[in-house]
Amino acid sequence: MNCSSEDPTCKVFPSTNLTEHYGEPLDFFKIGLFSLSLLFGLPTHSYIIWLIVTGTGSGVASEFFNLNLSVCEVILSLYSLINMLRMIPIFQTQGLLILAKFLSGNIITIRPVFQCLMCVERYLAVVHPVTFLKFKPLRYRVICSTAVWITGLGSCVLCIFIVVSHHFSFMWFSLLQFLLFLSIQLFCLVTVLRALKQSGPGERGREREEENHMKRRAFYLILILTVPMLIVSVPFIMTGFFYIVLQRDTVLSLFSLYCIVLSGFVPALLFLWRVGKLPFFKHP
C-alpha cells in the first residue's frame, strides 16, 4: 500500500512511505511495529500507571515523572493504532489525519522532555543536594509536568501545520529538540560520573559508601535513559540528512522508527525491575 502524500507518518517518519521505493513487503514491518507498540506497549504502561497510582514502589510523589512518561507511551500506542487504521482505505479520513499529526508532537517533544527531567532530577540530587532538598517533591514535579504538557500541547498544535506543508522546517524542529535533550542528558551523565569519582572531605567510610551508592544509582539511571535517547537520535538525524540530500527515503528511516518505539520499553522495564514486578529478574 502506497502512503498518501498527506499521511503524517510519511512526513514525520518517512519510513512509512518506503513502499514507494522498496515494495509492498515493508507494509508487514510497519504493521509489526505498530502492533508491537499497541499489543505490548499499551498493557505494559497501563500496568505501570496502575502500580504507581496504587502506591507500588516509592509512591506517587517519587514516581511522578515515571507516571507521566508512561502516559506518553500510552499516547504513542494510540498513535500506532491510528496509523494502523489509516492503512485501511475506509479509515483514511481527515479527522484521523489531523489527530495523527497532533499526536506526533508527543513523540518529538513531550516524551523526550520527561526523560530529560528524570536525568536532571538525579543530577541535582547528586551535585546540588542542598538545593534539591529545598523543593517539595510532589509540588515541583507537578509544576514541571504541567509546564511540559502545556509546552507539548503547543508542539502538537504546531505539528498539525508544519508536518505536511513545511517538511524541512519540521525536520529541523525535530532534530534541534533531539540534540538539545541529548546534550542535557549527556551533561548530567558526565557530571554525575565526575561526582562519583570524587569523595567529600572528612567523610567516614560508611558515609562515603552510602553516598557513593546513591551516586552510582543516579549514574546508572541517567545512563539507562541516555543510551536509548542516543540510539534514537543518531538514526533520526541520519534519516533527516539522507532525506534532505537524496530527496527520498532509505531503509534507515524504518530502523529509526523502530528505535523510537522500542526505546519506550527501557524505562518501563527499569521501573518493573525496581519494584520487583519483572518476572525472572527480581530486584535484589
Protein backbone atom coordinates (compact mmCIF):
# COMPACT_ATOMS: atom_id res chain seq x y z
CA MET A 1 0.00 0.00 0.00
CA ASN A 2 1.42 3.37 -1.01
CA CYS A 3 1.36 6.09 1.60
CA SER A 4 -0.68 9.17 0.84
CA SER A 5 1.21 12.40 0.47
CA GLU A 6 -0.99 13.80 3.24
CA ASP A 7 -0.24 10.97 5.62
CA PRO A 8 1.58 12.40 8.64
CA THR A 9 3.67 9.29 9.08
CA CYS A 10 5.14 9.87 5.61
CA LYS A 11 6.35 13.24 6.83
CA VAL A 12 7.20 12.64 10.47
CA PHE A 13 8.69 9.22 9.78
CA PRO A 14 9.47 8.81 6.07
CA SER A 15 9.92 5.07 6.63
CA THR A 16 6.16 4.70 6.31
CA ASN A 17 6.50 5.76 2.67
CA LEU A 18 9.25 3.24 1.84
CA THR A 19 6.76 1.14 -0.10
CA GLU A 20 7.08 3.63 -2.92
CA HIS A 21 10.75 2.67 -3.35
CA TYR A 22 11.12 -0.82 -1.86
CA GLY A 23 7.80 -2.56 -2.45
CA GLU A 24 4.76 -3.81 -0.55
CA PRO A 25 6.54 -6.30 1.81
CA LEU A 26 7.63 -3.40 4.02
CA ASP A 27 3.97 -2.95 4.98
CA PHE A 28 4.41 -6.06 7.14
CA PHE A 29 7.27 -4.40 9.01
CA LYS A 30 5.14 -1.33 9.63
CA ILE A 31 2.19 -3.41 10.81
CA GLY A 32 4.52 -5.44 13.03
CA LEU A 33 5.96 -2.31 14.61
CA PHE A 34 2.60 -0.68 15.25
CA SER A 35 1.24 -3.98 16.59
CA LEU A 36 4.19 -4.27 18.97
CA SER A 37 3.52 -0.79 20.32
CA LEU A 38 -0.19 -1.47 20.67
CA LEU A 39 -0.21 -5.05 21.99
CA PHE A 40 2.77 -4.81 24.34
CA GLY A 41 3.32 -1.12 24.97
CA LEU A 42 -0.28 -0.28 25.88
CA PRO A 43 -0.80 -3.01 28.54
CA THR A 44 2.73 -2.60 29.94
CA HIS A 45 2.46 1.13 30.51
CA SER A 46 -1.15 0.90 31.66
CA TYR A 47 0.05 -1.60 34.27
CA ILE A 48 2.82 0.79 35.34
CA ILE A 49 0.32 3.64 35.71
CA TRP A 50 -1.86 1.38 37.86
CA LEU A 51 1.13 0.36 40.01
CA ILE A 52 2.16 3.97 40.61
CA VAL A 53 -1.37 5.21 41.36
CA THR A 54 -1.96 2.35 43.82
CA GLY A 55 1.25 3.17 45.69
CA THR A 56 3.61 0.45 44.47
CA GLY A 57 7.26 1.49 44.56
CA SER A 58 8.22 4.76 46.22
CA GLY A 59 4.78 6.36 45.97
CA VAL A 60 3.13 8.78 43.55
CA ALA A 61 5.37 11.71 44.54
CA SER A 62 8.64 9.87 43.82
CA GLU A 63 7.35 8.22 40.66
CA PHE A 64 5.51 11.22 39.25
CA PHE A 65 7.80 11.65 36.23
CA ASN A 66 7.60 7.90 35.57
CA LEU A 67 3.81 8.22 35.67
CA ASN A 68 3.85 10.98 33.07
CA LEU A 69 6.34 9.08 30.92
CA SER A 70 4.03 6.06 30.89
CA VAL A 71 1.14 8.31 29.86
CA CYS A 72 3.30 9.45 26.92
CA GLU A 73 3.86 5.82 25.94
CA VAL A 74 0.11 5.14 26.07
CA ILE A 75 -0.36 8.08 23.70
CA LEU A 76 2.32 6.56 21.45
CA SER A 77 0.30 3.32 21.39
CA LEU A 78 -2.75 5.35 20.37
CA TYR A 79 -0.64 6.93 17.62
CA SER A 80 0.29 3.43 16.41
CA LEU A 81 -3.37 2.40 16.39
CA ILE A 82 -4.29 5.43 14.28
CA ASN A 83 -1.54 4.62 11.77
CA MET A 84 -2.71 1.02 11.53
CA LEU A 85 -6.27 2.20 10.89
CA ARG A 86 -5.07 4.64 8.25
CA MET A 87 -3.59 1.75 6.30
CA ILE A 88 -7.22 0.73 5.64
CA PRO A 89 -8.77 2.92 2.91
CA ILE A 90 -12.08 3.35 4.74
CA PHE A 91 -10.31 4.94 7.72
CA GLN A 92 -8.26 7.45 5.71
CA THR A 93 -10.33 10.36 6.95
CA GLN A 94 -9.38 13.96 7.56
CA GLY A 95 -10.17 13.63 11.27
CA LEU A 96 -7.71 10.77 11.82
CA LEU A 97 -5.13 12.61 9.74
CA ILE A 98 -5.31 15.69 11.98
CA LEU A 99 -5.25 13.55 15.13
CA ALA A 100 -2.18 11.67 13.94
CA LYS A 101 -0.34 14.89 13.16
CA PHE A 102 -1.34 16.28 16.56
CA LEU A 103 -0.05 13.22 18.44
CA SER A 104 3.31 13.34 16.66
CA GLY A 105 4.22 16.21 19.00
CA ASN A 106 4.17 13.72 21.86
CA ILE A 107 6.99 11.74 20.22
CA ILE A 108 9.32 14.61 19.42
CA THR A 109 8.70 16.85 22.45
CA ILE A 110 6.76 15.52 25.45
CA ARG A 111 8.33 12.08 25.87
CA PRO A 112 11.96 13.27 25.47
CA VAL A 113 11.38 16.14 27.91
CA PHE A 114 10.17 13.81 30.66
CA GLN A 115 13.17 11.54 30.12
CA CYS A 116 15.36 14.63 30.32
CA LEU A 117 13.65 15.80 33.54
CA MET A 118 14.37 12.46 35.20
CA CYS A 119 18.06 12.88 34.38
CA VAL A 120 18.16 16.49 35.61
CA GLU A 121 16.45 15.46 38.84
CA ARG A 122 19.11 12.83 39.56
CA TYR A 123 21.81 15.32 38.62
CA LEU A 124 20.50 17.86 41.13
CA ALA A 125 20.17 15.22 43.85
CA VAL A 126 23.86 14.26 43.45
CA VAL A 127 25.58 17.53 42.54
CA HIS A 128 23.36 20.06 44.35
CA PRO A 129 21.71 18.06 47.16
CA VAL A 130 21.04 21.10 49.40
CA THR A 131 19.17 22.89 46.62
CA PHE A 132 17.36 19.71 45.69
CA LEU A 133 16.12 19.12 49.25
CA LYS A 134 14.61 22.62 49.41
CA PHE A 135 11.94 21.64 46.91
CA LYS A 136 8.84 19.70 47.94
CA PRO A 137 8.97 16.61 45.69
CA LEU A 138 5.34 16.41 44.57
CA ARG A 139 4.87 20.18 44.20
CA TYR A 140 7.85 20.84 41.93
CA ARG A 141 7.17 17.70 39.92
CA VAL A 142 3.57 18.73 39.34
CA ILE A 143 4.70 22.23 38.30
CA CYS A 144 7.35 20.85 35.92
CA SER A 145 4.94 18.28 34.46
CA THR A 146 2.24 20.90 33.92
CA ALA A 147 4.75 23.12 32.11
CA VAL A 148 5.84 20.18 29.93
CA TRP A 149 2.28 19.26 28.95
CA ILE A 150 1.42 22.88 28.12
CA THR A 151 4.60 23.26 26.04
CA GLY A 152 4.00 19.86 24.46
CA LEU A 153 0.46 20.88 23.57
CA GLY A 154 1.90 23.83 21.67
CA SER A 155 4.29 21.48 19.88
CA CYS A 156 1.39 19.18 18.96
CA VAL A 157 -0.61 22.08 17.53
CA LEU A 158 2.45 23.26 15.61
CA CYS A 159 2.87 19.80 14.12
CA ILE A 160 -0.59 20.00 12.57
CA PHE A 161 0.53 22.94 10.43
CA ILE A 162 4.15 22.09 9.57
CA VAL A 163 4.27 18.28 9.21
CA VAL A 164 2.99 18.32 5.64
CA SER A 165 3.37 21.86 4.32
CA HIS A 166 6.84 22.61 5.72
CA HIS A 167 8.53 19.24 5.96
CA PHE A 168 12.10 20.56 6.06
CA SER A 169 11.16 23.02 8.80
CA PHE A 170 9.66 20.13 10.72
CA MET A 171 12.83 18.07 10.31
CA TRP A 172 14.91 20.90 11.75
CA PHE A 173 12.33 21.44 14.50
CA SER A 174 12.60 17.76 15.47
CA LEU A 175 16.36 17.42 15.13
CA LEU A 176 17.12 20.50 17.23
CA GLN A 177 14.93 19.19 20.03
CA PHE A 178 16.55 15.76 19.98
CA LEU A 179 20.02 17.33 20.04
CA LEU A 180 19.09 19.67 22.89
CA PHE A 181 17.64 16.93 25.08
CA LEU A 182 20.52 14.58 24.31
CA SER A 183 23.06 17.29 25.19
CA ILE A 184 21.39 17.91 28.56
CA GLN A 185 21.34 14.20 29.37
CA LEU A 186 24.98 13.77 28.39
CA PHE A 187 25.92 16.75 30.57
CA CYS A 188 24.08 15.19 33.54
CA LEU A 189 25.73 11.83 32.87
CA VAL A 190 29.27 13.21 32.73
CA THR A 191 28.78 15.47 35.77
CA VAL A 192 27.37 12.67 37.93
CA LEU A 193 30.21 10.38 36.79
CA ARG A 194 32.76 13.01 37.88
CA ALA A 195 30.98 13.40 41.23
CA LEU A 196 31.07 9.64 41.68
CA LYS A 197 34.86 9.63 41.37
CA GLN A 198 35.25 12.34 43.99
CA SER A 199 34.86 11.92 47.73
CA GLY A 200 33.89 14.71 50.04
CA PRO A 201 36.45 15.91 52.62
CA GLY A 202 36.26 14.36 56.07
CA GLU A 203 33.81 11.62 55.13
CA ARG A 204 33.87 8.43 57.13
CA GLY A 205 33.98 5.08 55.38
CA ARG A 206 30.35 4.14 55.88
CA GLU A 207 29.02 7.59 54.95
CA ARG A 208 31.24 7.62 51.89
CA GLU A 209 29.99 4.21 50.82
CA GLU A 210 26.34 5.24 51.23
CA GLU A 211 26.89 8.42 49.24
CA ASN A 212 28.74 6.56 46.50
CA HIS A 213 25.89 4.04 46.34
CA MET A 214 23.43 6.90 45.80
CA LYS A 215 25.67 8.42 43.13
CA ARG A 216 26.04 5.07 41.36
CA ARG A 217 22.27 4.59 41.27
CA ALA A 218 21.83 8.08 39.83
CA PHE A 219 24.58 7.46 37.27
CA TYR A 220 23.09 4.14 36.13
CA LEU A 221 19.61 5.64 35.82
CA ILE A 222 20.87 8.55 33.72
CA LEU A 223 22.94 6.13 31.62
CA ILE A 224 19.94 3.86 31.04
CA LEU A 225 17.85 6.85 29.92
CA THR A 226 20.61 8.43 27.82
CA VAL A 227 21.64 5.37 25.80
CA PRO A 228 18.14 4.85 24.28
CA MET A 229 17.99 8.59 23.58
CA LEU A 230 21.32 8.30 21.78
CA ILE A 231 20.14 5.24 19.86
CA VAL A 232 17.00 7.14 18.82
CA SER A 233 18.75 10.40 17.95
CA VAL A 234 21.56 9.06 15.74
CA PRO A 235 19.33 7.16 13.23
CA PHE A 236 16.80 10.02 13.27
CA ILE A 237 19.49 12.59 12.48
CA MET A 238 20.93 10.38 9.74
CA THR A 239 17.44 9.80 8.34
CA GLY A 240 16.84 13.55 8.12
CA PHE A 241 20.25 14.09 6.49
CA PHE A 242 19.69 11.40 3.83
CA TYR A 243 16.17 12.64 3.16
CA ILE A 244 17.42 16.19 2.57
CA VAL A 245 20.37 15.08 0.41
CA LEU A 246 18.78 12.22 -1.55
CA GLN A 247 15.21 13.60 -1.63
CA ARG A 248 13.87 10.12 -0.93
CA ASP A 249 13.54 7.64 1.89
CA THR A 250 16.03 4.98 2.92
CA VAL A 251 15.71 1.77 4.90
CA LEU A 252 17.45 3.59 7.74
CA SER A 253 14.25 5.57 8.33
CA LEU A 254 12.40 2.35 9.12
CA PHE A 255 15.13 1.45 11.60
CA SER A 256 14.76 4.92 13.13
CA LEU A 257 11.05 4.38 13.66
CA TYR A 258 11.73 1.01 15.32
CA CYS A 259 14.23 2.66 17.67
CA ILE A 260 11.71 5.32 18.68
CA VAL A 261 9.08 2.73 19.56
CA LEU A 262 11.38 0.21 21.25
CA SER A 263 13.18 2.83 23.34
CA GLY A 264 9.96 3.38 25.26
CA PHE A 265 10.23 -0.08 26.80
CA VAL A 266 13.56 0.69 28.52
CA PRO A 267 12.24 2.97 31.32
CA ALA A 268 9.27 0.62 31.69
CA LEU A 269 11.44 -2.45 32.22
CA LEU A 270 13.66 -0.49 34.60
CA PHE A 271 10.67 0.50 36.73
CA LEU A 272 9.19 -3.01 36.77
CA TRP A 273 12.56 -4.46 37.77
CA ARG A 274 12.96 -1.86 40.54
CA VAL A 275 9.56 -2.63 42.09
CA GLY A 276 10.06 -6.39 41.75
CA LYS A 277 7.32 -6.91 39.14
CA LEU A 278 9.55 -8.12 36.32
CA PRO A 279 9.39 -11.95 36.03
CA PHE A 280 12.72 -13.83 36.36
CA PHE A 281 14.56 -10.58 37.20
CA LYS A 282 13.74 -9.72 40.78
CA HIS A 283 15.20 -6.59 42.34
CA PRO A 284 17.84 -7.58 44.92
